[in-house]
Amino acid sequence: DATVIGTTTQRITRFARCPVLTVVRKAKPEVEKHDARKREELV
């Protein structure tokens, strides 16, 4: 019942030696599926 952000973002924000700007986007399953498909197509 909660939202989370990815471990890569968490680790970068936690350990970076400079400020970190995190640009957030609300969870949208259909967008995540589209992004995964598009990445594969691009490559």
PDB file of all heavy atoms in Angstrom:
ATOM      1  N   ASP A   1       0.825  -1.209   0.000  1.00  0.00           N
ATOM      2  CA  ASP A   1       0.000   0.000   0.000  1.00  0.00           C
ATOM      3  C   ASP A   1       0.857   1.256   0.000  1.00  0.00           C
ATOM      4  O   ASP A   1       0.400   2.338   0.327  1.00  0.00           O
ATOM      5  CB  ASP A   1      -0.931   0.008   1.215  1.00  0.00           C
ATOM      6  CG  ASP A   1      -0.180  -0.033   2.541  1.00  0.00           C
ATOM      7  OD1 ASP A   1       1.039  -0.320   2.500  1.00  0.00           O
ATOM      8  OD2 ASP A   1      -0.803   0.205   3.582  1.00  0.00           O
ATOM      9  N   ALA A   2       2.134   1.133  -0.348  1.00  0.00           N
ATOM     10  CA  ALA A   2       3.031   2.285  -0.344  1.00  0.00           C
ATOM     11  C   ALA A   2       3.749   2.374  -1.684  1.00  0.00           C
ATOM     12  O   ALA A   2       3.698   1.453  -2.499  1.00  0.00           O
ATOM     13  CB  ALA A   2       4.045   2.164   0.797  1.00  0.00           C
ATOM     14  N   THR A   3       4.405   3.493  -1.912  1.00  0.00           N
ATOM     15  CA  THR A   3       5.216   3.636  -3.118  1.00  0.00           C
ATOM     16  C   THR A   3       6.686   3.598  -2.732  1.00  0.00           C
ATOM     17  O   THR A   3       7.065   3.996  -1.632  1.00  0.00           O
ATOM     18  CB  THR A   3       4.925   4.956  -3.853  1.00  0.00           C
ATOM     19  OG1 THR A   3       5.212   6.052  -2.980  1.00  0.00           O
ATOM     20  CG2 THR A   3       3.485   5.015  -4.305  1.00  0.00           C
ATOM     21  N   VAL A   4       7.494   3.091  -3.638  1.00  0.00           N
ATOM     22  CA  VAL A   4       8.925   3.020  -3.396  1.00  0.00           C
ATOM     23  C   VAL A   4       9.647   3.555  -4.627  1.00  0.00           C
ATOM     24  O   VAL A   4       9.072   3.668  -5.706  1.00  0.00           O
ATOM     25  CB  VAL A   4       9.395   1.572  -3.113  1.00  0.00           C
ATOM     26  CG1 VAL A   4       8.751   1.043  -1.850  1.00  0.00           C
ATOM     27  CG2 VAL A   4       9.080   0.657  -4.297  1.00  0.00           C
ATOM     28  N   ILE A   5      10.915   3.889  -4.465  1.00  0.00           N
ATOM     29  CA  ILE A   5      11.748   4.250  -5.600  1.00  0.00           C
ATOM     30  C   ILE A   5      12.833   3.203  -5.728  1.00  0.00           C
ATOM     31  O   ILE A   5      13.149   2.493  -4.784  1.00  0.00           O
ATOM     32  CB  ILE A   5      12.355   5.661  -5.445  1.00  0.00           C
ATOM     33  CG1 ILE A   5      13.140   5.782  -4.142  1.00  0.00           C
ATOM     34  CG2 ILE A   5      11.286   6.720  -5.545  1.00  0.00           C
ATOM     35  CD1 ILE A   5      13.826   7.125  -3.967  1.00  0.00           C
ATOM     36  N   GLY A   6      13.401   3.088  -6.919  1.00  0.00           N
ATOM     37  CA  GLY A   6      14.339   2.020  -7.207  1.00  0.00           C
ATOM     38  C   GLY A   6      15.599   2.075  -6.372  1.00  0.00           C
ATOM     39  O   GLY A   6      16.014   3.126  -5.882  1.00  0.00           O
ATOM     40  N   THR A   7      16.243   0.924  -6.239  1.00  0.00           N
ATOM     41  CA  THR A   7      17.457   0.838  -5.422  1.00  0.00           C
ATOM     42  C   THR A   7      18.605   1.641  -6.028  1.00  0.00           C
ATOM     43  O   THR A   7      19.433   2.173  -5.292  1.00  0.00           O
ATOM     44  CB  THR A   7      17.886  -0.623  -5.252  1.00  0.00           C
ATOM     45  OG1 THR A   7      18.021  -1.238  -6.546  1.00  0.00           O
ATOM     46  CG2 THR A   7      16.851  -1.403  -4.456  1.00  0.00           C
ATOM     47  N   THR A   8      18.648   1.737  -7.358  1.00  0.00           N
ATOM     48  CA  THR A   8      19.710   2.539  -7.972  1.00  0.00           C
ATOM     49  C   THR A   8      19.591   3.992  -7.553  1.00  0.00           C
ATOM     50  O   THR A   8      20.570   4.628  -7.144  1.00  0.00           O
ATOM     51  CB  THR A   8      19.650   2.431  -9.507  1.00  0.00           C
ATOM     52  OG1 THR A   8      19.907   1.076  -9.895  1.00  0.00           O
ATOM     53  CG2 THR A   8      20.699   3.329 -10.153  1.00  0.00           C
ATOM     54  N   THR A   9      18.382   4.534  -7.625  1.00  0.00           N
ATOM     55  CA  THR A   9      18.146   5.915  -7.202  1.00  0.00           C
ATOM     56  C   THR A   9      18.458   6.092  -5.724  1.00  0.00           C
ATOM     57  O   THR A   9      19.103   7.072  -5.325  1.00  0.00           O
ATOM     58  CB  THR A   9      16.693   6.322  -7.472  1.00  0.00           C
ATOM     59  OG1 THR A   9      16.417   6.180  -8.864  1.00  0.00           O
ATOM     60  CG2 THR A   9      16.442   7.766  -7.060  1.00  0.00           C
ATOM     61  N   GLN A  10      18.014   5.161  -4.907  1.00  0.00           N
ATOM     62  CA  GLN A  10      18.273   5.236  -3.467  1.00  0.00           C
ATOM     63  C   GLN A  10      19.763   5.287  -3.177  1.00  0.00           C
ATOM     64  O   GLN A  10      20.226   6.106  -2.381  1.00  0.00           O
ATOM     65  CB  GLN A  10      17.640   4.029  -2.763  1.00  0.00           C
ATOM     66  CG  GLN A  10      16.121   4.051  -2.734  1.00  0.00           C
ATOM     67  CD  GLN A  10      15.562   2.813  -2.050  1.00  0.00           C
ATOM     68  OE1 GLN A  10      16.286   1.841  -1.821  1.00  0.00           O
ATOM     69  NE2 GLN A  10      14.291   2.832  -1.745  1.00  0.00           N
ATOM     70  N   ARG A  11      20.518   4.416  -3.805  1.00  0.00           N
ATOM     71  CA  ARG A  11      21.949   4.339  -3.522  1.00  0.00           C
ATOM     72  C   ARG A  11      22.689   5.575  -4.015  1.00  0.00           C
ATOM     73  O   ARG A  11      23.598   6.081  -3.346  1.00  0.00           O
ATOM     74  CB  ARG A  11      22.528   3.073  -4.140  1.00  0.00           C
ATOM     75  CG  ARG A  11      22.065   1.795  -3.438  1.00  0.00           C
ATOM     76  CD  ARG A  11      22.566   0.565  -4.148  1.00  0.00           C
ATOM     77  NE  ARG A  11      24.022   0.535  -4.186  1.00  0.00           N
ATOM     78  CZ  ARG A  11      24.725  -0.252  -5.003  1.00  0.00           C
ATOM     79  NH1 ARG A  11      24.098  -1.040  -5.852  1.00  0.00           N
ATOM     80  NH2 ARG A  11      26.042  -0.231  -4.966  1.00  0.00           N
ATOM     81  N   ILE A  12      22.317   6.063  -5.185  1.00  0.00           N
ATOM     82  CA  ILE A  12      22.967   7.269  -5.694  1.00  0.00           C
ATOM     83  C   ILE A  12      22.685   8.441  -4.783  1.00  0.00           C
ATOM     84  O   ILE A  12      23.585   9.219  -4.422  1.00  0.00           O
ATOM     85  CB  ILE A  12      22.506   7.563  -7.130  1.00  0.00           C
ATOM     86  CG1 ILE A  12      23.074   6.515  -8.084  1.00  0.00           C
ATOM     87  CG2 ILE A  12      22.927   8.967  -7.570  1.00  0.00           C
ATOM     88  CD1 ILE A  12      22.527   6.597  -9.493  1.00  0.00           C
ATOM     89  N   THR A  13      21.436   8.592  -4.375  1.00  0.00           N
ATOM     90  CA  THR A  13      21.061   9.703  -3.509  1.00  0.00           C
ATOM     91  C   THR A  13      21.708   9.568  -2.135  1.00  0.00           C
ATOM     92  O   THR A  13      22.091  10.564  -1.521  1.00  0.00           O
ATOM     93  CB  THR A  13      19.525   9.767  -3.358  1.00  0.00           C
ATOM     94  OG1 THR A  13      18.935   9.718  -4.655  1.00  0.00           O
ATOM     95  CG2 THR A  13      19.095  11.048  -2.678  1.00  0.00           C
ATOM     96  N   ARG A  14      21.855   8.347  -1.684  1.00  0.00           N
ATOM     97  CA  ARG A  14      22.419   8.114  -0.346  1.00  0.00           C
ATOM     98  C   ARG A  14      23.924   8.366  -0.286  1.00  0.00           C
ATOM     99  O   ARG A  14      24.432   8.905   0.691  1.00  0.00           O
ATOM    100  CB  ARG A  14      22.111   6.670   0.077  1.00  0.00           C
ATOM    101  CG  ARG A  14      22.783   6.226   1.388  1.00  0.00           C
ATOM    102  CD  ARG A  14      22.241   7.014   2.562  1.00  0.00           C
ATOM    103  NE  ARG A  14      22.847   6.593   3.806  1.00  0.00           N
ATOM    104  CZ  ARG A  14      24.009   7.031   4.268  1.00  0.00           C
ATOM    105  NH1 ARG A  14      24.735   7.867   3.543  1.00  0.00           N
ATOM    106  NH2 ARG A  14      24.467   6.631   5.436  1.00  0.00           N
ATOM    107  N   PHE A  15      24.652   7.986  -1.349  1.00  0.00           N
ATOM    108  CA  PHE A  15      26.110   7.981  -1.270  1.00  0.00           C
ATOM    109  C   PHE A  15      26.805   9.028  -2.130  1.00  0.00           C
ATOM    110  O   PHE A  15      28.035   9.130  -2.095  1.00  0.00           O
ATOM    111  CB  PHE A  15      26.649   6.592  -1.636  1.00  0.00           C
ATOM    112  CG  PHE A  15      26.264   5.524  -0.646  1.00  0.00           C
ATOM    113  CD1 PHE A  15      25.322   4.564  -0.974  1.00  0.00           C
ATOM    114  CD2 PHE A  15      26.820   5.494   0.621  1.00  0.00           C
ATOM    115  CE1 PHE A  15      24.955   3.585  -0.062  1.00  0.00           C
ATOM    116  CE2 PHE A  15      26.460   4.534   1.542  1.00  0.00           C
ATOM    117  CZ  PHE A  15      25.522   3.571   1.196  1.00  0.00           C
ATOM    118  N   ALA A  16      26.064   9.784  -2.918  1.00  0.00           N
ATOM    119  CA  ALA A  16      26.703  10.777  -3.788  1.00  0.00           C
ATOM    120  C   ALA A  16      27.465  11.816  -2.968  1.00  0.00           C
ATOM    121  O   ALA A  16      27.016  12.227  -1.896  1.00  0.00           O
ATOM    122  CB  ALA A  16      25.655  11.468  -4.653  1.00  0.00           C
ATOM    123  N   ARG A  17      28.582  12.264  -3.511  1.00  0.00           N
ATOM    124  CA  ARG A  17      29.400  13.267  -2.840  1.00  0.00           C
ATOM    125  C   ARG A  17      29.069  14.680  -3.315  1.00  0.00           C
ATOM    126  O   ARG A  17      29.795  15.626  -3.036  1.00  0.00           O
ATOM    127  CB  ARG A  17      30.878  12.954  -3.071  1.00  0.00           C
ATOM    128  CG  ARG A  17      31.282  11.580  -2.528  1.00  0.00           C
ATOM    129  CD  ARG A  17      32.734  11.276  -2.789  1.00  0.00           C
ATOM    130  NE  ARG A  17      33.616  12.200  -2.082  1.00  0.00           N
ATOM    131  CZ  ARG A  17      34.949  12.191  -2.188  1.00  0.00           C
ATOM    132  NH1 ARG A  17      35.523  11.316  -2.991  1.00  0.00           N
ATOM    133  NH2 ARG A  17      35.676  13.045  -1.516  1.00  0.00           N
ATOM    134  N   CYS A  18      27.972  14.792  -4.047  1.00  0.00           N
ATOM    135  CA  CYS A  18      27.483  16.091  -4.492  1.00  0.00           C
ATOM    136  C   CYS A  18      25.961  16.069  -4.396  1.00  0.00           C
ATOM    137  O   CYS A  18      25.367  15.000  -4.203  1.00  0.00           O
ATOM    138  CB  CYS A  18      27.933  16.385  -5.929  1.00  0.00           C
ATOM    139  SG  CYS A  18      27.257  15.251  -7.159  1.00  0.00           S
ATOM    140  N   PRO A  19      25.285  17.195  -4.504  1.00  0.00           N
ATOM    141  CA  PRO A  19      23.825  17.202  -4.465  1.00  0.00           C
ATOM    142  C   PRO A  19      23.227  16.338  -5.574  1.00  0.00           C
ATOM    143  O   PRO A  19      23.829  16.165  -6.643  1.00  0.00           O
ATOM    144  CB  PRO A  19      23.477  18.682  -4.667  1.00  0.00           C
ATOM    145  CG  PRO A  19      24.674  19.419  -4.178  1.00  0.00           C
ATOM    146  CD  PRO A  19      25.848  18.567  -4.555  1.00  0.00           C
ATOM    147  N   VAL A  20      22.050  15.799  -5.308  1.00  0.00           N
ATOM    148  CA  VAL A  20      21.349  14.953  -6.279  1.00  0.00           C
ATOM    149  C   VAL A  20      19.946  15.500  -6.494  1.00  0.00           C
ATOM    150  O   VAL A  20      19.194  15.698  -5.535  1.00  0.00           O
ATOM    151  CB  VAL A  20      21.259  13.490  -5.800  1.00  0.00           C
ATOM    152  CG1 VAL A  20      20.477  12.642  -6.810  1.00  0.00           C
ATOM    153  CG2 VAL A  20      22.645  12.908  -5.575  1.00  0.00           C
ATOM    154  N   LEU A  21      19.613  15.752  -7.757  1.00  0.00           N
ATOM    155  CA  LEU A  21      18.255  16.156  -8.116  1.00  0.00           C
ATOM    156  C   LEU A  21      17.518  14.912  -8.588  1.00  0.00           C
ATOM    157  O   LEU A  21      17.872  14.319  -9.611  1.00  0.00           O
ATOM    158  CB  LEU A  21      18.270  17.210  -9.224  1.00  0.00           C
ATOM    159  CG  LEU A  21      16.892  17.627  -9.762  1.00  0.00           C
ATOM    160  CD1 LEU A  21      16.089  18.368  -8.683  1.00  0.00           C
ATOM    161  CD2 LEU A  21      17.020  18.488 -11.003  1.00  0.00           C
ATOM    162  N   THR A  22      16.497  14.506  -7.834  1.00  0.00           N
ATOM    163  CA  THR A  22      15.694  13.343  -8.192  1.00  0.00           C
ATOM    164  C   THR A  22      14.399  13.824  -8.835  1.00  0.00           C
ATOM    165  O   THR A  22      13.593  14.505  -8.198  1.00  0.00           O
ATOM    166  CB  THR A  22      15.370  12.484  -6.960  1.00  0.00           C
ATOM    167  OG1 THR A  22      16.595  12.092  -6.320  1.00  0.00           O
ATOM    168  CG2 THR A  22      14.602  11.234  -7.352  1.00  0.00           C
ATOM    169  N   VAL A  23      14.227  13.483 -10.105  1.00  0.00           N
ATOM    170  CA  VAL A  23      13.023  13.850 -10.849  1.00  0.00           C
ATOM    171  C   VAL A  23      12.080  12.663 -10.784  1.00  0.00           C
ATOM    172  O   VAL A  23      12.371  11.588 -11.320  1.00  0.00           O
ATOM    173  CB  VAL A  23      13.360  14.197 -12.313  1.00  0.00           C
ATOM    174  CG1 VAL A  23      12.101  14.574 -13.085  1.00  0.00           C
ATOM    175  CG2 VAL A  23      14.378  15.337 -12.363  1.00  0.00           C
ATOM    176  N   VAL A  24      10.972  12.812 -10.081  1.00  0.00           N
ATOM    177  CA  VAL A  24      10.099  11.684  -9.790  1.00  0.00           C
ATOM    178  C   VAL A  24       8.922  11.623 -10.756  1.00  0.00           C
ATOM    179  O   VAL A  24       8.468  12.637 -11.283  1.00  0.00           O
ATOM    180  CB  VAL A  24       9.574  11.755  -8.341  1.00  0.00           C
ATOM    181  CG1 VAL A  24      10.708  11.561  -7.353  1.00  0.00           C
ATOM    182  CG2 VAL A  24       8.862  13.081  -8.071  1.00  0.00           C
ATOM    183  N   ARG A  25       8.447  10.416 -10.952  1.00  0.00           N
ATOM    184  CA  ARG A  25       7.281  10.175 -11.798  1.00  0.00           C
ATOM    185  C   ARG A  25       6.408   9.156 -11.088  1.00  0.00           C
ATOM    186  O   ARG A  25       6.887   8.138 -10.603  1.00  0.00           O
ATOM    187  CB  ARG A  25       7.717   9.657 -13.177  1.00  0.00           C
ATOM    188  CG  ARG A  25       6.568   9.477 -14.172  1.00  0.00           C
ATOM    189  CD  ARG A  25       7.111   8.907 -15.489  1.00  0.00           C
ATOM    190  NE  ARG A  25       6.035   8.694 -16.446  1.00  0.00           N
ATOM    191  CZ  ARG A  25       5.709   9.575 -17.390  1.00  0.00           C
ATOM    192  NH1 ARG A  25       6.379  10.697 -17.498  1.00  0.00           N
ATOM    193  NH2 ARG A  25       4.727   9.326 -18.238  1.00  0.00           N
ATOM    194  N   LYS A  26       5.115   9.434 -11.033  1.00  0.00           N
ATOM    195  CA  LYS A  26       4.196   8.534 -10.358  1.00  0.00           C
ATOM    196  C   LYS A  26       4.156   7.174 -11.046  1.00  0.00           C
ATOM    197  O   LYS A  26       4.354   7.049 -12.251  1.00  0.00           O
ATOM    198  CB  LYS A  26       2.777   9.126 -10.329  1.00  0.00           C
ATOM    199  CG  LYS A  26       2.638  10.302  -9.371  1.00  0.00           C
ATOM    200  CD  LYS A  26       2.878   9.867  -7.938  1.00  0.00           C
ATOM    201  CE  LYS A  26       2.619  11.007  -6.954  1.00  0.00           C
ATOM    202  NZ  LYS A  26       2.895  10.610  -5.566  1.00  0.00           N
ATOM    203  N   ALA A  27       3.863   6.155 -10.248  1.00  0.00           N
ATOM    204  CA  ALA A  27       3.819   4.787 -10.760  1.00  0.00           C
ATOM    205  C   ALA A  27       2.685   4.618 -11.769  1.00  0.00           C
ATOM    206  O   ALA A  27       1.531   4.908 -11.478  1.00  0.00           O
ATOM    207  CB  ALA A  27       3.638   3.800  -9.603  1.00  0.00           C
ATOM    208  N   LYS A  28       3.045   4.132 -12.974  1.00  0.00           N
ATOM    209  CA  LYS A  28       2.066   3.850 -14.016  1.00  0.00           C
ATOM    210  C   LYS A  28       2.503   2.560 -14.714  1.00  0.00           C
ATOM    211  O   LYS A  28       3.421   2.576 -15.540  1.00  0.00           O
ATOM    212  CB  LYS A  28       1.991   4.995 -15.031  1.00  0.00           C
ATOM    213  CG  LYS A  28       1.423   6.294 -14.459  1.00  0.00           C
ATOM    214  CD  LYS A  28       1.314   7.360 -15.539  1.00  0.00           C
ATOM    215  CE  LYS A  28       0.714   8.641 -14.971  1.00  0.00           C
ATOM    216  NZ  LYS A  28       0.589   9.694 -16.016  1.00  0.00           N
ATOM    217  N   PRO A  29       1.873   1.442 -14.362  1.00  0.00           N
ATOM    218  CA  PRO A  29       2.303   0.157 -14.919  1.00  0.00           C
ATOM    219  C   PRO A  29       2.358   0.147 -16.439  1.00  0.00           C
ATOM    220  O   PRO A  29       3.273  -0.433 -17.030  1.00  0.00           O
ATOM    221  CB  PRO A  29       1.225  -0.816 -14.394  1.00  0.00           C
ATOM    222  CG  PRO A  29       0.732  -0.171 -13.139  1.00  0.00           C
ATOM    223  CD  PRO A  29       0.777   1.307 -13.402  1.00  0.00           C
ATOM    224  N   GLU A  30       1.400   0.809 -17.097  1.00  0.00           N
ATOM    225  CA  GLU A  30       1.399   0.789 -18.561  1.00  0.00           C
ATOM    226  C   GLU A  30       2.609   1.532 -19.127  1.00  0.00           C
ATOM    227  O   GLU A  30       3.150   1.155 -20.171  1.00  0.00           O
ATOM    228  CB  GLU A  30       0.106   1.400 -19.105  1.00  0.00           C
ATOM    229  CG  GLU A  30      -0.093   2.886 -18.851  1.00  0.00           C
ATOM    230  CD  GLU A  30      -0.654   3.207 -17.467  1.00  0.00           C
ATOM    231  OE1 GLU A  30      -0.703   2.277 -16.632  1.00  0.00           O
ATOM    232  OE2 GLU A  30      -1.039   4.356 -17.242  1.00  0.00           O
ATOM    233  N   VAL A  31       3.059   2.593 -18.416  1.00  0.00           N
ATOM    234  CA  VAL A  31       4.241   3.328 -18.861  1.00  0.00           C
ATOM    235  C   VAL A  31       5.491   2.479 -18.673  1.00  0.00           C
ATOM    236  O   VAL A  31       6.385   2.469 -19.527  1.00  0.00           O
ATOM    237  CB  VAL A  31       4.377   4.662 -18.101  1.00  0.00           C
ATOM    238  CG1 VAL A  31       5.710   5.334 -18.422  1.00  0.00           C
ATOM    239  CG2 VAL A  31       3.220   5.592 -18.453  1.00  0.00           C
ATOM    240  N   GLU A  32       5.570   1.772 -17.552  1.00  0.00           N
ATOM    241  CA  GLU A  32       6.725   0.918 -17.309  1.00  0.00           C
ATOM    242  C   GLU A  32       6.846  -0.164 -18.389  1.00  0.00           C
ATOM    243  O   GLU A  32       7.937  -0.451 -18.872  1.00  0.00           O
ATOM    244  CB  GLU A  32       6.618   0.269 -15.926  1.00  0.00           C
ATOM    245  CG  GLU A  32       6.708   1.262 -14.773  1.00  0.00           C
ATOM    246  CD  GLU A  32       6.574   0.578 -13.428  1.00  0.00           C
ATOM    247  OE1 GLU A  32       7.094  -0.546 -13.294  1.00  0.00           O
ATOM    248  OE2 GLU A  32       5.951   1.154 -12.523  1.00  0.00           O
ATOM    249  N   LYS A  33       5.709  -0.770 -18.793  1.00  0.00           N
ATOM    250  CA  LYS A  33       5.737  -1.786 -19.843  1.00  0.00           C
ATOM    251  C   LYS A  33       6.169  -1.177 -21.175  1.00  0.00           C
ATOM    252  O   LYS A  33       6.950  -1.765 -21.920  1.00  0.00           O
ATOM    253  CB  LYS A  33       4.348  -2.419 -19.974  1.00  0.00           C
ATOM    254  CG  LYS A  33       3.941  -3.273 -18.782  1.00  0.00           C
ATOM    255  CD  LYS A  33       2.546  -3.841 -18.969  1.00  0.00           C
ATOM    256  CE  LYS A  33       2.126  -4.668 -17.749  1.00  0.00           C
ATOM    257  NZ  LYS A  33       0.745  -5.193 -17.894  1.00  0.00           N
ATOM    258  N   HIS A  34       5.655   0.026 -21.454  1.00  0.00           N
ATOM    259  CA  HIS A  34       6.033   0.706 -22.697  1.00  0.00           C
ATOM    260  C   HIS A  34       7.529   1.005 -22.711  1.00  0.00           C
ATOM    261  O   HIS A  34       8.207   0.814 -23.728  1.00  0.00           O
ATOM    262  CB  HIS A  34       5.241   2.004 -22.847  1.00  0.00           C
ATOM    263  CG  HIS A  34       5.661   2.842 -24.019  1.00  0.00           C
ATOM    264  ND1 HIS A  34       6.682   3.782 -23.932  1.00  0.00           N
ATOM    265  CD2 HIS A  34       5.224   2.885 -25.302  1.00  0.00           C
ATOM    266  CE1 HIS A  34       6.847   4.357 -25.099  1.00  0.00           C
ATOM    267  NE2 HIS A  34       5.978   3.835 -25.956  1.00  0.00           N
ATOM    268  N   ASP A  35       8.061   1.484 -21.578  1.00  0.00           N
ATOM    269  CA  ASP A  35       9.485   1.814 -21.492  1.00  0.00           C
ATOM    270  C   ASP A  35      10.345   0.577 -21.726  1.00  0.00           C
ATOM    271  O   ASP A  35      11.353   0.630 -22.432  1.00  0.00           O
ATOM    272  CB  ASP A  35       9.820   2.421 -20.133  1.00  0.00           C
ATOM    273  CG  ASP A  35       9.316   3.849 -19.996  1.00  0.00           C
ATOM    274  OD1 ASP A  35       8.990   4.465 -21.023  1.00  0.00           O
ATOM    275  OD2 ASP A  35       9.265   4.348 -18.858  1.00  0.00           O
ATOM    276  N   ALA A  36       9.957  -0.543 -21.120  1.00  0.00           N
ATOM    277  CA  ALA A  36      10.729  -1.776 -21.275  1.00  0.00           C
ATOM    278  C   ALA A  36      10.721  -2.229 -22.735  1.00  0.00           C
ATOM    279  O   ALA A  36      11.754  -2.639 -23.272  1.00  0.00           O
ATOM    280  CB  ALA A  36      10.154  -2.870 -20.378  1.00  0.00           C
ATOM    281  N   ARG A  37       9.569  -2.155 -23.374  1.00  0.00           N
ATOM    282  CA  ARG A  37       9.467  -2.554 -24.775  1.00  0.00           C
ATOM    283  C   ARG A  37      10.283  -1.620 -25.668  1.00  0.00           C
ATOM    284  O   ARG A  37      10.984  -2.063 -26.584  1.00  0.00           O
ATOM    285  CB  ARG A  37       8.000  -2.545 -25.200  1.00  0.00           C
ATOM    286  CG  ARG A  37       7.768  -3.055 -26.617  1.00  0.00           C
ATOM    287  CD  ARG A  37       6.292  -3.226 -26.920  1.00  0.00           C
ATOM    288  NE  ARG A  37       5.585  -1.951 -26.856  1.00  0.00           N
ATOM    289  CZ  ARG A  37       4.743  -1.598 -25.891  1.00  0.00           C
ATOM    290  NH1 ARG A  37       4.521  -2.427 -24.875  1.00  0.00           N
ATOM    291  NH2 ARG A  37       4.134  -0.430 -25.909  1.00  0.00           N
ATOM    292  N   LYS A  38      10.217  -0.308 -25.379  1.00  0.00           N
ATOM    293  CA  LYS A  38      10.936   0.672 -26.189  1.00  0.00           C
ATOM    294  C   LYS A  38      12.447   0.498 -26.062  1.00  0.00           C
ATOM    295  O   LYS A  38      13.186   0.612 -27.044  1.00  0.00           O
ATOM    296  CB  LYS A  38      10.535   2.085 -25.762  1.00  0.00           C
ATOM    297  CG  LYS A  38      11.011   3.177 -26.719  1.00  0.00           C
ATOM    298  CD  LYS A  38      10.347   3.032 -28.081  1.00  0.00           C
ATOM    299  CE  LYS A  38      10.747   4.164 -29.001  1.00  0.00           C
ATOM    300  NZ  LYS A  38      10.150   4.017 -30.339  1.00  0.00           N
ATOM    301  N   ARG A  39      12.929   0.217 -24.840  1.00  0.00           N
ATOM    302  CA  ARG A  39      14.361  -0.014 -24.655  1.00  0.00           C
ATOM    303  C   ARG A  39      14.850  -1.164 -25.518  1.00  0.00           C
ATOM    304  O   ARG A  39      15.898  -1.097 -26.152  1.00  0.00           O
ATOM    305  CB  ARG A  39      14.676  -0.285 -23.176  1.00  0.00           C
ATOM    306  CG  ARG A  39      14.659   0.929 -22.288  1.00  0.00           C
ATOM    307  CD  ARG A  39      15.369   0.660 -20.972  1.00  0.00           C
ATOM    308  NE  ARG A  39      14.739  -0.422 -20.232  1.00  0.00           N
ATOM    309  CZ  ARG A  39      13.719  -0.233 -19.391  1.00  0.00           C
ATOM    310  NH1 ARG A  39      13.207   0.969 -19.220  1.00  0.00           N
ATOM    311  NH2 ARG A  39      13.208  -1.256 -18.730  1.00  0.00           N
ATOM    312  N   GLU A  40      14.071  -2.235 -25.526  1.00  0.00           N
ATOM    313  CA  GLU A  40      14.456  -3.393 -26.315  1.00  0.00           C
ATOM    314  C   GLU A  40      14.449  -3.073 -27.806  1.00  0.00           C
ATOM    315  O   GLU A  40      15.351  -3.482 -28.543  1.00  0.00           O
ATOM    316  CB  GLU A  40      13.495  -4.548 -26.025  1.00  0.00           C
ATOM    317  CG  GLU A  40      13.839  -5.847 -26.758  1.00  0.00           C
ATOM    318  CD  GLU A  40      15.216  -6.359 -26.397  1.00  0.00           C
ATOM    319  OE1 GLU A  40      15.663  -6.145 -25.251  1.00  0.00           O
ATOM    320  OE2 GLU A  40      15.855  -7.003 -27.272  1.00  0.00           O
ATOM    321  N   GLU A  41      13.460  -2.311 -28.249  1.00  0.00           N
ATOM    322  CA  GLU A  41      13.383  -1.927 -29.659  1.00  0.00           C
ATOM    323  C   GLU A  41      14.569  -1.050 -30.056  1.00  0.00           C
ATOM    324  O   GLU A  41      15.159  -1.239 -31.125  1.00  0.00           O
ATOM    325  CB  GLU A  41      12.078  -1.183 -29.933  1.00  0.00           C
ATOM    326  CG  GLU A  41      10.831  -2.047 -29.857  1.00  0.00           C
ATOM    327  CD  GLU A  41       9.552  -1.238 -29.995  1.00  0.00           C
ATOM    328  OE1 GLU A  41       9.664   0.010 -30.085  1.00  0.00           O
ATOM    329  OE2 GLU A  41       8.456  -1.827 -30.017  1.00  0.00           O
ATOM    330  N   LEU A  42      14.919  -0.094 -29.195  1.00  0.00           N
ATOM    331  CA  LEU A  42      16.022   0.806 -29.516  1.00  0.00           C
ATOM    332  C   LEU A  42      17.326   0.044 -29.712  1.00  0.00           C
ATOM    333  O   LEU A  42      18.112   0.342 -30.599  1.00  0.00           O
ATOM    334  CB  LEU A  42      16.179   1.847 -28.410  1.00  0.00           C
ATOM    335  CG  LEU A  42      15.190   3.016 -28.420  1.00  0.00           C
ATOM    336  CD1 LEU A  42      15.278   3.771 -27.106  1.00  0.00           C
ATOM    337  CD2 LEU A  42      15.466   3.942 -29.590  1.00  0.00           C
ATOM    338  N   VAL A  43      17.545  -0.929 -28.841  1.00  0.00           N
ATOM    339  CA  VAL A  43      18.805  -1.668 -28.891  1.00  0.00           C
ATOM    340  C   VAL A  43      18.817  -2.678 -30.029  1.00  0.00           C
ATOM    341  O   VAL A  43      19.815  -2.865 -30.720  1.00  0.00           O
ATOM    342  CB  VAL A  43      19.059  -2.379 -27.546  1.00  0.00           C
ATOM    343  CG1 VAL A  43      20.272  -3.286 -27.643  1.00  0.00           C
ATOM    344  CG2 VAL A  43      19.254  -1.336 -26.449  1.00  0.00           C
TER     345      VAL A  43
END
